[in-house]
C-alpha cells in the first residue's frame, strides 16, 4: 500500500494516496472525529492526519494491515476495557484494516480528549 509522503499537506491529500476502499474507511473515521470535536482544526502533523484543539487531540493513519488511531496515552487508559479486543500500545490503537472501525467508541474517546484539552 502506498504511504503518504512528507509532501502531504492536507488530510484530503493524505486520504487520496490510498486505494478506494481504504479512502472510504479513512473518510468515515475523519467524519466521526469531526462530529465529536467540531471546534478542532485539521492539519498534518508527524505526516499523519491530525485534529488540533489547544494542542494535538488525535491522529490517525493507514497501514498495510491496520488503521492506527492515536488519542494520546490518556485516551487509551480511560477506555482500556473497551479496547481489549484491539492491539494497543502507550499511545496507539490498531484497528484491523479488514474490520469495521468501532465509530461509537472512537467518538467517546475523541470527546474524552476534547474535555482534556479544553480544561
PDB file of N, CA and C in Angstrom:
ATOM      1  N   UNK A   1       0.846  -1.181   0.000  1.00  0.00           N
ATOM      2  CA  UNK A   1       0.000   0.000   0.000  1.00  0.00           C
ATOM      3  C   UNK A   1       0.885   1.236   0.000  1.00  0.00           C
ATOM      4  N   UNK A   2       0.480   2.217  -0.749  1.00  0.00           N
ATOM      5  CA  UNK A   2       1.218   3.466  -0.823  1.00  0.00           C
ATOM      6  C   UNK A   2       1.088   4.203   0.508  1.00  0.00           C
ATOM      7  N   UNK A   3       2.173   4.763   0.978  1.00  0.00           N
ATOM      8  CA  UNK A   3       2.159   5.513   2.218  1.00  0.00           C
ATOM      9  C   UNK A   3       2.356   6.986   1.884  1.00  0.00           C
ATOM     10  N   UNK A   4       1.659   7.838   2.599  1.00  0.00           N
ATOM     11  CA  UNK A   4       1.763   9.272   2.358  1.00  0.00           C
ATOM     12  C   UNK A   4       3.197   9.739   2.582  1.00  0.00           C
ATOM     13  N   UNK A   5       3.581  10.748   1.854  1.00  0.00           N
ATOM     14  CA  UNK A   5       4.934  11.281   1.981  1.00  0.00           C
ATOM     15  C   UNK A   5       4.906  12.587   2.755  1.00  0.00           C
ATOM     16  N   UNK A   6       6.078  13.096   3.015  1.00  0.00           N
ATOM     17  CA  UNK A   6       6.190  14.364   3.743  1.00  0.00           C
ATOM     18  C   UNK A   6       5.536  15.507   2.972  1.00  0.00           C
ATOM     19  N   UNK A   7       5.319  15.328   1.669  1.00  0.00           N
ATOM     20  CA  UNK A   7       4.723  16.378   0.848  1.00  0.00           C
ATOM     21  C   UNK A   7       3.219  16.511   1.064  1.00  0.00           C
ATOM     22  N   UNK A   8       2.611  15.559   1.753  1.00  0.00           N
ATOM     23  CA  UNK A   8       1.177  15.612   2.010  1.00  0.00           C
ATOM     24  C   UNK A   8       0.892  16.847   2.859  1.00  0.00           C
ATOM     25  N   UNK A   9       0.033  17.731   2.332  1.00  0.00           N
ATOM     26  CA  UNK A   9      -0.215  18.989   3.018  1.00  0.00           C
ATOM     27  C   UNK A   9      -1.593  19.081   3.655  1.00  0.00           C
ATOM     28  N   UNK A  10      -2.495  18.187   3.286  1.00  0.00           N
ATOM     29  CA  UNK A  10      -3.838  18.241   3.861  1.00  0.00           C
ATOM     30  C   UNK A  10      -4.342  16.816   4.086  1.00  0.00           C
ATOM     31  N   UNK A  11      -5.384  16.712   4.883  1.00  0.00           N
ATOM     32  CA  UNK A  11      -5.978  15.401   5.120  1.00  0.00           C
ATOM     33  C   UNK A  11      -6.572  14.857   3.822  1.00  0.00           C
ATOM     34  N   UNK A  12      -7.130  15.723   3.006  1.00  0.00           N
ATOM     35  CA  UNK A  12      -7.643  15.271   1.700  1.00  0.00           C
ATOM     36  C   UNK A  12      -6.523  14.657   0.866  1.00  0.00           C
ATOM     37  N   UNK A  13      -5.369  15.323   0.822  1.00  0.00           N
ATOM     38  CA  UNK A  13      -4.220  14.793   0.075  1.00  0.00           C
ATOM     39  C   UNK A  13      -3.794  13.440   0.633  1.00  0.00           C
ATOM     40  N   UNK A  14      -3.746  13.339   1.950  1.00  0.00           N
ATOM     41  CA  UNK A  14      -3.336  12.092   2.599  1.00  0.00           C
ATOM     42  C   UNK A  14      -4.275  10.948   2.208  1.00  0.00           C
ATOM     43  N   UNK A  15      -5.567  11.169   2.368  1.00  0.00           N
ATOM     44  CA  UNK A  15      -6.558  10.128   2.077  1.00  0.00           C
ATOM     45  C   UNK A  15      -6.486   9.707   0.605  1.00  0.00           C
ATOM     46  N   UNK A  16      -6.239  10.658  -0.276  1.00  0.00           N
ATOM     47  CA  UNK A  16      -6.198  10.378  -1.714  1.00  0.00           C
ATOM     48  C   UNK A  16      -5.055   9.433  -2.110  1.00  0.00           C
ATOM     49  N   UNK A  17      -4.072   9.240  -1.236  1.00  0.00           N
ATOM     50  CA  UNK A  17      -2.939   8.369  -1.579  1.00  0.00           C
ATOM     51  C   UNK A  17      -3.254   6.884  -1.415  1.00  0.00           C
ATOM     52  N   UNK A  18      -4.429   6.553  -0.907  1.00  0.00           N
ATOM     53  CA  UNK A  18      -4.770   5.159  -0.616  1.00  0.00           C
ATOM     54  C   UNK A  18      -5.800   4.605  -1.589  1.00  0.00           C
ATOM     55  N   UNK A  19      -5.899   3.265  -1.670  1.00  0.00           N
ATOM     56  CA  UNK A  19      -6.931   2.638  -2.519  1.00  0.00           C
ATOM     57  C   UNK A  19      -8.327   3.074  -2.063  1.00  0.00           C
ATOM     58  N   UNK A  20      -9.285   3.019  -3.002  1.00  0.00           N
ATOM     59  CA  UNK A  20     -10.656   3.487  -2.743  1.00  0.00           C
ATOM     60  C   UNK A  20     -11.282   2.961  -1.455  1.00  0.00           C
ATOM     61  N   UNK A  21     -11.176   1.656  -1.213  1.00  0.00           N
ATOM     62  CA  UNK A  21     -11.819   1.094  -0.021  1.00  0.00           C
ATOM     63  C   UNK A  21     -11.195   1.643   1.260  1.00  0.00           C
ATOM     64  N   UNK A  22      -9.891   1.897   1.238  1.00  0.00           N
ATOM     65  CA  UNK A  22      -9.236   2.482   2.411  1.00  0.00           C
ATOM     66  C   UNK A  22      -9.621   3.959   2.531  1.00  0.00           C
ATOM     67  N   UNK A  23      -9.733   4.634   1.401  1.00  0.00           N
ATOM     68  CA  UNK A  23     -10.170   6.039   1.421  1.00  0.00           C
ATOM     69  C   UNK A  23     -11.525   6.167   2.114  1.00  0.00           C
ATOM     70  N   UNK A  24     -12.437   5.261   1.795  1.00  0.00           N
ATOM     71  CA  UNK A  24     -13.780   5.310   2.398  1.00  0.00           C
ATOM     72  C   UNK A  24     -13.698   5.128   3.914  1.00  0.00           C
ATOM     73  N   UNK A  25     -12.863   4.206   4.358  1.00  0.00           N
ATOM     74  CA  UNK A  25     -12.691   3.962   5.790  1.00  0.00           C
ATOM     75  C   UNK A  25     -12.099   5.189   6.471  1.00  0.00           C
ATOM     76  N   UNK A  26     -11.075   5.769   5.871  1.00  0.00           N
ATOM     77  CA  UNK A  26     -10.431   6.948   6.450  1.00  0.00           C
ATOM     78  C   UNK A  26     -11.371   8.147   6.476  1.00  0.00           C
ATOM     79  N   UNK A  27     -12.155   8.317   5.426  1.00  0.00           N
ATOM     80  CA  UNK A  27     -13.081   9.456   5.375  1.00  0.00           C
ATOM     81  C   UNK A  27     -14.174   9.313   6.436  1.00  0.00           C
ATOM     82  N   UNK A  28     -14.658   8.100   6.646  1.00  0.00           N
ATOM     83  CA  UNK A  28     -15.677   7.882   7.682  1.00  0.00           C
ATOM     84  C   UNK A  28     -15.086   8.141   9.070  1.00  0.00           C
ATOM     85  N   UNK A  29     -13.848   7.702   9.298  1.00  0.00           N
ATOM     86  CA  UNK A  29     -13.178   7.970  10.571  1.00  0.00           C
ATOM     87  C   UNK A  29     -13.014   9.479  10.761  1.00  0.00           C
ATOM     88  N   UNK A  30     -12.611  10.161   9.724  1.00  0.00           N
ATOM     89  CA  UNK A  30     -12.461  11.618   9.777  1.00  0.00           C
ATOM     90  C   UNK A  30     -13.785  12.287  10.155  1.00  0.00           C
ATOM     91  N   UNK A  31     -14.883  11.854   9.544  1.00  0.00           N
ATOM     92  CA  UNK A  31     -16.194  12.437   9.840  1.00  0.00           C
ATOM     93  C   UNK A  31     -16.611  12.176  11.291  1.00  0.00           C
ATOM     94  N   UNK A  32     -16.301  10.982  11.789  1.00  0.00           N
ATOM     95  CA  UNK A  32     -16.615  10.656  13.183  1.00  0.00           C
ATOM     96  C   UNK A  32     -15.875  11.606  14.125  1.00  0.00           C
ATOM     97  N   UNK A  33     -14.597  11.841  13.830  1.00  0.00           N
ATOM     98  CA  UNK A  33     -13.794  12.740  14.667  1.00  0.00           C
ATOM     99  C   UNK A  33     -14.320  14.172  14.556  1.00  0.00           C
ATOM    100  N   UNK A  34     -14.645  14.610  13.346  1.00  0.00           N
ATOM    101  CA  UNK A  34     -15.171  15.972  13.149  1.00  0.00           C
ATOM    102  C   UNK A  34     -16.447  16.196  13.956  1.00  0.00           C
ATOM    103  N   UNK A  35     -17.335  15.211  13.947  1.00  0.00           N
ATOM    104  CA  UNK A  35     -18.600  15.342  14.695  1.00  0.00           C
ATOM    105  C   UNK A  35     -18.357  15.369  16.197  1.00  0.00           C
ATOM    106  N   UNK A  36     -17.388  14.606  16.662  1.00  0.00           N
ATOM    107  CA  UNK A  36     -17.102  14.539  18.099  1.00  0.00           C
ATOM    108  C   UNK A  36     -16.306  15.747  18.583  1.00  0.00           C
ATOM    109  N   UNK A  37     -15.607  16.408  17.668  1.00  0.00           N
ATOM    110  CA  UNK A  37     -14.777  17.566  18.030  1.00  0.00           C
ATOM    111  C   UNK A  37     -14.972  18.673  16.986  1.00  0.00           C
ATOM    112  N   UNK A  38     -16.178  19.250  16.945  1.00  0.00           N
ATOM    113  CA  UNK A  38     -16.470  20.226  15.881  1.00  0.00           C
ATOM    114  C   UNK A  38     -15.601  21.484  15.918  1.00  0.00           C
ATOM    115  N   UNK A  39     -15.005  21.799  17.058  1.00  0.00           N
ATOM    116  CA  UNK A  39     -14.172  23.001  17.153  1.00  0.00           C
ATOM    117  C   UNK A  39     -12.703  22.738  16.822  1.00  0.00           C
ATOM    118  N   UNK A  40     -12.350  21.479  16.626  1.00  0.00           N
ATOM    119  CA  UNK A  40     -10.962  21.133  16.310  1.00  0.00           C
ATOM    120  C   UNK A  40     -10.639  21.524  14.871  1.00  0.00           C
ATOM    121  N   UNK A  41      -9.383  21.846  14.640  1.00  0.00           N
ATOM    122  CA  UNK A  41      -8.916  22.137  13.288  1.00  0.00           C
ATOM    123  C   UNK A  41      -8.119  20.943  12.779  1.00  0.00           C
ATOM    124  N   UNK A  42      -8.048  20.834  11.470  1.00  0.00           N
ATOM    125  CA  UNK A  42      -7.336  19.731  10.838  1.00  0.00           C
ATOM    126  C   UNK A  42      -5.971  20.196  10.354  1.00  0.00           C
ATOM    127  N   UNK A  43      -5.007  19.316  10.453  1.00  0.00           N
ATOM    128  CA  UNK A  43      -3.690  19.589   9.897  1.00  0.00           C
ATOM    129  C   UNK A  43      -2.964  18.263   9.716  1.00  0.00           C
ATOM    130  N   UNK A  44      -1.811  18.326   9.097  1.00  0.00           N
ATOM    131  CA  UNK A  44      -0.942  17.161   9.018  1.00  0.00           C
ATOM    132  C   UNK A  44       0.175  17.390  10.030  1.00  0.00           C
ATOM    133  N   UNK A  45       0.366  16.440  10.917  1.00  0.00           N
ATOM    134  CA  UNK A  45       1.431  16.511  11.914  1.00  0.00           C
ATOM    135  C   UNK A  45       2.027  15.114  12.023  1.00  0.00           C
ATOM    136  N   UNK A  46       3.330  15.031  12.104  1.00  0.00           N
ATOM    137  CA  UNK A  46       4.016  13.726  12.088  1.00  0.00           C
ATOM    138  C   UNK A  46       3.624  12.921  10.846  1.00  0.00           C
ATOM    139  N   UNK A  47       3.371  13.615   9.733  1.00  0.00           N
ATOM    140  CA  UNK A  47       2.957  13.023   8.456  1.00  0.00           C
ATOM    141  C   UNK A  47       1.646  12.240   8.566  1.00  0.00           C
ATOM    142  N   UNK A  48       0.809  12.610   9.539  1.00  0.00           N
ATOM    143  CA  UNK A  48      -0.483  11.944   9.740  1.00  0.00           C
ATOM    144  C   UNK A  48      -1.592  12.982   9.843  1.00  0.00           C
ATOM    145  N   UNK A  49      -2.812  12.607   9.446  1.00  0.00           N
ATOM    146  CA  UNK A  49      -3.956  13.480   9.705  1.00  0.00           C
ATOM    147  C   UNK A  49      -4.085  13.710  11.216  1.00  0.00           C
ATOM    148  N   UNK A  50      -4.227  14.968  11.574  1.00  0.00           N
ATOM    149  CA  UNK A  50      -4.253  15.357  12.980  1.00  0.00           C
ATOM    150  C   UNK A  50      -5.405  16.318  13.213  1.00  0.00           C
ATOM    151  N   UNK A  51      -6.067  16.139  14.343  1.00  0.00           N
ATOM    152  CA  UNK A  51      -7.066  17.098  14.785  1.00  0.00           C
ATOM    153  C   UNK A  51      -6.460  17.834  15.968  1.00  0.00           C
ATOM    154  N   UNK A  52      -6.577  19.158  15.941  1.00  0.00           N
ATOM    155  CA  UNK A  52      -5.887  20.029  16.887  1.00  0.00           C
ATOM    156  C   UNK A  52      -6.907  20.894  17.625  1.00  0.00           C
ATOM    157  N   UNK A  53      -6.816  20.900  18.942  1.00  0.00           N
ATOM    158  CA  UNK A  53      -7.668  21.748  19.782  1.00  0.00           C
ATOM    159  C   UNK A  53      -6.901  22.016  21.068  1.00  0.00           C
ATOM    160  N   UNK A  54      -6.317  23.192  21.177  1.00  0.00           N
ATOM    161  CA  UNK A  54      -5.449  23.509  22.318  1.00  0.00           C
ATOM    162  C   UNK A  54      -4.325  22.478  22.443  1.00  0.00           C
ATOM    163  N   UNK A  55      -3.794  22.060  21.345  1.00  0.00           N
ATOM    164  CA  UNK A  55      -2.780  21.002  21.290  1.00  0.00           C
ATOM    165  C   UNK A  55      -3.308  19.860  20.435  1.00  0.00           C
ATOM    166  N   UNK A  56      -2.436  18.929  20.134  1.00  0.00           N
ATOM    167  CA  UNK A  56      -2.874  17.777  19.336  1.00  0.00           C
ATOM    168  C   UNK A  56      -3.942  17.006  20.093  1.00  0.00           C
ATOM    169  N   UNK A  57      -5.026  16.713  19.408  1.00  0.00           N
ATOM    170  CA  UNK A  57      -6.152  16.000  20.006  1.00  0.00           C
ATOM    171  C   UNK A  57      -6.036  14.509  19.690  1.00  0.00           C
ATOM    172  N   UNK A  58      -6.103  14.170  18.416  1.00  0.00           N
ATOM    173  CA  UNK A  58      -5.931  12.782  17.957  1.00  0.00           C
ATOM    174  C   UNK A  58      -5.293  12.801  16.566  1.00  0.00           C
ATOM    175  N   UNK A  59      -4.644  11.698  16.235  1.00  0.00           N
ATOM    176  CA  UNK A  59      -4.089  11.479  14.896  1.00  0.00           C
ATOM    177  C   UNK A  59      -4.656  10.156  14.396  1.00  0.00           C
ATOM    178  N   UNK A  60      -4.613   9.952  13.076  1.00  0.00           N
ATOM    179  CA  UNK A  60      -4.900   8.632  12.524  1.00  0.00           C
ATOM    180  C   UNK A  60      -4.038   8.410  11.299  1.00  0.00           C
ATOM    181  N   UNK A  61      -3.874   7.151  10.926  1.00  0.00           N
ATOM    182  CA  UNK A  61      -3.051   6.815   9.770  1.00  0.00           C
ATOM    183  C   UNK A  61      -3.428   5.431   9.272  1.00  0.00           C
ATOM    184  N   UNK A  62      -3.212   5.203   7.980  1.00  0.00           N
ATOM    185  CA  UNK A  62      -3.491   3.889   7.398  1.00  0.00           C
ATOM    186  C   UNK A  62      -2.180   3.160   7.136  1.00  0.00           C
ATOM    187  N   UNK A  63      -2.208   1.872   7.380  1.00  0.00           N
ATOM    188  CA  UNK A  63      -1.067   0.997   7.151  1.00  0.00           C
ATOM    189  C   UNK A  63      -1.548  -0.232   6.397  1.00  0.00           C
ATOM    190  N   UNK A  64      -0.643  -1.113   6.068  1.00  0.00           N
ATOM    191  CA  UNK A  64      -0.989  -2.289   5.275  1.00  0.00           C
ATOM    192  C   UNK A  64      -2.082  -3.128   5.930  1.00  0.00           C
ATOM    193  N   UNK A  65      -1.978  -3.365   7.238  1.00  0.00           N
ATOM    194  CA  UNK A  65      -2.894  -4.277   7.917  1.00  0.00           C
ATOM    195  C   UNK A  65      -3.812  -3.628   8.944  1.00  0.00           C
ATOM    196  N   UNK A  66      -3.649  -2.340   9.172  1.00  0.00           N
ATOM    197  CA  UNK A  66      -4.494  -1.703  10.189  1.00  0.00           C
ATOM    198  C   UNK A  66      -4.619  -0.200   9.953  1.00  0.00           C
ATOM    199  N   UNK A  67      -5.600   0.365  10.647  1.00  0.00           N
ATOM    200  CA  UNK A  67      -5.748   1.810  10.751  1.00  0.00           C
ATOM    201  C   UNK A  67      -5.258   2.169  12.147  1.00  0.00           C
ATOM    202  N   UNK A  68      -4.274   3.035  12.217  1.00  0.00           N
ATOM    203  CA  UNK A  68      -3.759   3.473  13.510  1.00  0.00           C
ATOM    204  C   UNK A  68      -4.543   4.681  13.989  1.00  0.00           C
ATOM    205  N   UNK A  69      -4.899   4.669  15.259  1.00  0.00           N
ATOM    206  CA  UNK A  69      -5.620   5.784  15.872  1.00  0.00           C
ATOM    207  C   UNK A  69      -4.833   6.164  17.114  1.00  0.00           C
ATOM    208  N   UNK A  70      -4.509   7.438  17.243  1.00  0.00           N
ATOM    209  CA  UNK A  70      -3.580   7.907  18.267  1.00  0.00           C
ATOM    210  C   UNK A  70      -4.231   8.976  19.147  1.00  0.00           C
ATOM    211  N   UNK A  71      -4.880   8.559  20.245  1.00  0.00           N
ATOM    212  CA  UNK A  71      -5.575   9.515  21.106  1.00  0.00           C
ATOM    213  C   UNK A  71      -4.783   9.933  22.347  1.00  0.00           C
ATOM    214  N   UNK A  72      -3.461   9.774  22.312  1.00  0.00           N
ATOM    215  CA  UNK A  72      -2.594  10.034  23.471  1.00  0.00           C
ATOM    216  C   UNK A  72      -2.793   8.915  24.496  1.00  0.00           C
ATOM    217  N   UNK A  73      -1.809   8.701  25.341  1.00  0.00           N
ATOM    218  CA  UNK A  73      -1.914   7.615  26.329  1.00  0.00           C
ATOM    219  C   UNK A  73      -3.175   7.695  27.199  1.00  0.00           C
ATOM    220  N   UNK A  74      -3.581   8.895  27.563  1.00  0.00           N
ATOM    221  CA  UNK A  74      -4.765   9.052  28.426  1.00  0.00           C
ATOM    222  C   UNK A  74      -6.026   8.522  27.764  1.00  0.00           C
ATOM    223  N   UNK A  75      -6.137   8.692  26.450  1.00  0.00           N
ATOM    224  CA  UNK A  75      -7.309   8.213  25.725  1.00  0.00           C
ATOM    225  C   UNK A  75      -7.382   6.700  25.661  1.00  0.00           C
ATOM    226  N   UNK A  76      -6.256   6.049  25.797  1.00  0.00           N
ATOM    227  CA  UNK A  76      -6.218   4.586  25.799  1.00  0.00           C
ATOM    228  C   UNK A  76      -6.492   4.058  27.209  1.00  0.00           C
ATOM    229  N   UNK A  77      -5.847   4.658  28.188  1.00  0.00           N
ATOM    230  CA  UNK A  77      -6.044   4.221  29.579  1.00  0.00           C
ATOM    231  C   UNK A  77      -7.508   4.352  29.988  1.00  0.00           C
ATOM    232  N   UNK A  78      -8.134   5.458  29.618  1.00  0.00           N
ATOM    233  CA  UNK A  78      -9.523   5.718  30.021  1.00  0.00           C
ATOM    234  C   UNK A  78     -10.515   4.713  29.429  1.00  0.00           C
ATOM    235  N   UNK A  79     -10.159   4.092  28.312  1.00  0.00           N
ATOM    236  CA  UNK A  79     -11.080   3.172  27.635  1.00  0.00           C
ATOM    237  C   UNK A  79     -10.471   1.775  27.478  1.00  0.00           C
ATOM    238  N   UNK A  80      -9.533   1.432  28.366  1.00  0.00           N
ATOM    239  CA  UNK A  80      -8.813   0.166  28.205  1.00  0.00           C
ATOM    240  C   UNK A  80      -9.720  -1.058  28.190  1.00  0.00           C
ATOM    241  N   UNK A  81     -10.791  -1.057  28.953  1.00  0.00           N
ATOM    242  CA  UNK A  81     -11.691  -2.212  28.949  1.00  0.00           C
ATOM    243  C   UNK A  81     -12.381  -2.383  27.595  1.00  0.00           C
ATOM    244  N   UNK A  82     -12.802  -1.264  27.008  1.00  0.00           N
ATOM    245  CA  UNK A  82     -13.481  -1.319  25.708  1.00  0.00           C
ATOM    246  C   UNK A  82     -12.511  -1.585  24.554  1.00  0.00           C
ATOM    247  N   UNK A  83     -11.230  -1.410  24.814  1.00  0.00           N
ATOM    248  CA  UNK A  83     -10.214  -1.590  23.770  1.00  0.00           C
ATOM    249  C   UNK A  83      -9.526  -2.952  23.838  1.00  0.00           C
ATOM    250  N   UNK A  84      -9.968  -3.815  24.729  1.00  0.00           N
ATOM    251  CA  UNK A  84      -9.295  -5.104  24.938  1.00  0.00           C
ATOM    252  C   UNK A  84      -9.137  -5.941  23.674  1.00  0.00           C
ATOM    253  N   UNK A  85     -10.086  -5.851  22.742  1.00  0.00           N
ATOM    254  CA  UNK A  85     -10.012  -6.692  21.547  1.00  0.00           C
ATOM    255  C   UNK A  85      -9.037  -6.156  20.499  1.00  0.00           C
ATOM    256  N   UNK A  86      -8.501  -4.946  20.735  1.00  0.00           N
ATOM    257  CA  UNK A  86      -7.594  -4.322  19.768  1.00  0.00           C
ATOM    258  C   UNK A  86      -6.169  -4.293  20.308  1.00  0.00           C
ATOM    259  N   UNK A  87      -5.223  -4.307  19.394  1.00  0.00           N
ATOM    260  CA  UNK A  87      -3.827  -4.160  19.783  1.00  0.00           C
ATOM    261  C   UNK A  87      -3.609  -2.694  20.149  1.00  0.00           C
ATOM    262  N   UNK A  88      -3.050  -2.461  21.324  1.00  0.00           N
ATOM    263  CA  UNK A  88      -2.767  -1.097  21.763  1.00  0.00           C
ATOM    264  C   UNK A  88      -1.337  -1.015  22.275  1.00  0.00           C
ATOM    265  N   UNK A  89      -0.831   0.200  22.312  1.00  0.00           N
ATOM    266  CA  UNK A  89       0.449   0.479  22.953  1.00  0.00           C
ATOM    267  C   UNK A  89       0.255   1.781  23.721  1.00  0.00           C
ATOM    268  N   UNK A  90       1.308   2.363  24.206  1.00  0.00           N
ATOM    269  CA  UNK A  90       1.194   3.544  25.054  1.00  0.00           C
ATOM    270  C   UNK A  90       0.281   4.628  24.475  1.00  0.00           C
ATOM    271  N   UNK A  91       0.410   4.922  23.180  1.00  0.00           N
ATOM    272  CA  UNK A  91      -0.392   5.999  22.620  1.00  0.00           C
ATOM    273  C   UNK A  91      -1.137   5.632  21.354  1.00  0.00           C
ATOM    274  N   UNK A  92      -1.202   4.317  21.050  1.00  0.00           N
ATOM    275  CA  UNK A  92      -1.773   3.905  19.763  1.00  0.00           C
ATOM    276  C   UNK A  92      -2.773   2.766  19.911  1.00  0.00           C
ATOM    277  N   UNK A  93      -3.754   2.791  19.013  1.00  0.00           N
ATOM    278  CA  UNK A  93      -4.731   1.703  18.887  1.00  0.00           C
ATOM    279  C   UNK A  93      -4.662   1.245  17.438  1.00  0.00           C
ATOM    280  N   UNK A  94      -4.673  -0.067  17.226  1.00  0.00           N
ATOM    281  CA  UNK A  94      -4.685  -0.604  15.873  1.00  0.00           C
ATOM    282  C   UNK A  94      -6.033  -1.248  15.590  1.00  0.00           C
ATOM    283  N   UNK A  95      -6.738  -0.696  14.602  1.00  0.00           N
ATOM    284  CA  UNK A  95      -7.987  -1.287  14.139  1.00  0.00           C
ATOM    285  C   UNK A  95      -7.658  -2.086  12.882  1.00  0.00           C
ATOM    286  N   UNK A  96      -7.904  -3.408  12.880  1.00  0.00           N
ATOM    287  CA  UNK A  96      -7.595  -4.211  11.688  1.00  0.00           C
ATOM    288  C   UNK A  96      -8.254  -3.620  10.441  1.00  0.00           C
ATOM    289  N   UNK A  97      -7.508  -3.580   9.364  1.00  0.00           N
ATOM    290  CA  UNK A  97      -7.985  -2.932   8.139  1.00  0.00           C
ATOM    291  C   UNK A  97      -9.197  -3.639   7.538  1.00  0.00           C
ATOM    292  N   UNK A  98      -9.349  -4.925   7.840  1.00  0.00           N
ATOM    293  CA  UNK A  98     -10.451  -5.691   7.251  1.00  0.00           C
ATOM    294  C   UNK A  98     -11.662  -5.805   8.179  1.00  0.00           C
ATOM    295  N   UNK A  99     -11.690  -5.008   9.244  1.00  0.00           N
ATOM    296  CA  UNK A  99     -12.828  -4.994  10.173  1.00  0.00           C
ATOM    297  C   UNK A  99     -13.386  -3.577  10.260  1.00  0.00           C
ATOM    298  N   UNK A 100     -14.644  -3.485  10.628  1.00  0.00           N
ATOM    299  CA  UNK A 100     -15.271  -2.167  10.806  1.00  0.00           C
ATOM    300  C   UNK A 100     -14.648  -1.454  12.001  1.00  0.00           C
ATOM    301  N   UNK A 101     -14.435  -0.183  11.842  1.00  0.00           N
ATOM    302  CA  UNK A 101     -13.933   0.633  12.952  1.00  0.00           C
ATOM    303  C   UNK A 101     -15.086   0.866  13.929  1.00  0.00           C
ATOM    304  N   UNK A 102     -14.836   0.761  15.224  1.00  0.00           N
ATOM    305  CA  UNK A 102     -15.898   0.997  16.218  1.00  0.00           C
ATOM    306  C   UNK A 102     -16.136   2.507  16.397  1.00  0.00           C
ATOM    307  N   UNK A 103     -16.923   3.073  15.502  1.00  0.00           N
ATOM    308  CA  UNK A 103     -17.096   4.526  15.479  1.00  0.00           C
ATOM    309  C   UNK A 103     -17.690   5.095  16.767  1.00  0.00           C
ATOM    310  N   UNK A 104     -18.582   4.364  17.416  1.00  0.00           N
ATOM    311  CA  UNK A 104     -19.150   4.863  18.681  1.00  0.00           C
ATOM    312  C   UNK A 104     -18.053   4.991  19.737  1.00  0.00           C
ATOM    313  N   UNK A 105     -17.141   4.042  19.760  1.00  0.00           N
ATOM    314  CA  UNK A 105     -16.026   4.090  20.710  1.00  0.00           C
ATOM    315  C   UNK A 105     -15.060   5.219  20.342  1.00  0.00           C
ATOM    316  N   UNK A 106     -14.764   5.371  19.067  1.00  0.00           N
ATOM    317  CA  UNK A 106     -13.895   6.468  18.625  1.00  0.00           C
ATOM    318  C   UNK A 106     -14.496   7.803  19.058  1.00  0.00           C
ATOM    319  N   UNK A 107     -15.798   7.952  18.873  1.00  0.00           N
ATOM    320  CA  UNK A 107     -16.486   9.191  19.273  1.00  0.00           C
ATOM    321  C   UNK A 107     -16.292   9.462  20.763  1.00  0.00           C
ATOM    322  N   UNK A 108     -16.472   8.439  21.591  1.00  0.00           N
ATOM    323  CA  UNK A 108     -16.313   8.614  23.043  1.00  0.00           C
ATOM    324  C   UNK A 108     -14.874   8.997  23.403  1.00  0.00           C
ATOM    325  N   UNK A 109     -13.915   8.362  22.748  1.00  0.00           N
ATOM    326  CA  UNK A 109     -12.509   8.672  23.023  1.00  0.00           C
ATOM    327  C   UNK A 109     -12.193  10.112  22.617  1.00  0.00           C
ATOM    328  N   UNK A 110     -12.666  10.522  21.450  1.00  0.00           N
ATOM    329  CA  UNK A 110     -12.420  11.899  20.989  1.00  0.00           C
ATOM    330  C   UNK A 110     -13.071  12.900  21.941  1.00  0.00           C
ATOM    331  N   UNK A 111     -14.300  12.637  22.364  1.00  0.00           N
ATOM    332  CA  UNK A 111     -14.970  13.546  23.300  1.00  0.00           C
ATOM    333  C   UNK A 111     -14.208  13.628  24.621  1.00  0.00           C
ATOM    334  N   UNK A 112     -13.660  12.512  25.075  1.00  0.00           N
ATOM    335  CA  UNK A 112     -12.825  12.497  26.277  1.00  0.00           C
ATOM    336  C   UNK A 112     -11.602  13.397  26.079  1.00  0.00           C
ATOM    337  N   UNK A 113     -10.965  13.267  24.922  1.00  0.00           N
ATOM    338  CA  UNK A 113      -9.765  14.079  24.635  1.00  0.00           C
ATOM    339  C   UNK A 113     -10.122  15.562  24.519  1.00  0.00           C
ATOM    340  N   UNK A 114     -11.297  15.884  23.972  1.00  0.00           N
ATOM    341  CA  UNK A 114     -11.721  17.286  23.890  1.00  0.00           C
ATOM    342  C   UNK A 114     -11.828  17.864  25.300  1.00  0.00           C
ATOM    343  N   UNK A 115     -12.456  17.108  26.203  1.00  0.00           N
ATOM    344  CA  UNK A 115     -12.576  17.588  27.598  1.00  0.00           C
ATOM    345  C   UNK A 115     -11.204  17.808  28.210  1.00  0.00           C
ATOM    346  N   UNK A 116     -10.290  16.867  27.961  1.00  0.00           N
ATOM    347  CA  UNK A 116      -8.924  17.009  28.484  1.00  0.00           C
ATOM    348  C   UNK A 116      -8.239  18.257  27.950  1.00  0.00           C
ATOM    349  N   UNK A 117      -8.352  18.479  26.655  1.00  0.00           N
ATOM    350  CA  UNK A 117      -7.616  19.588  26.029  1.00  0.00           C
ATOM    351  C   UNK A 117      -8.270  20.953  26.251  1.00  0.00           C
ATOM    352  N   UNK A 118      -9.492  20.973  26.752  1.00  0.00           N
ATOM    353  CA  UNK A 118     -10.141  22.274  26.968  1.00  0.00           C
ATOM    354  C   UNK A 118     -10.257  22.629  28.446  1.00  0.00           C
ATOM    355  N   UNK A 119      -9.638  21.831  29.312  1.00  0.00           N
ATOM    356  CA  UNK A 119      -9.637  22.156  30.744  1.00  0.00           C
ATOM    357  C   UNK A 119      -8.712  23.331  31.023  1.00  0.00           C
TER     358      UNK A 119
END
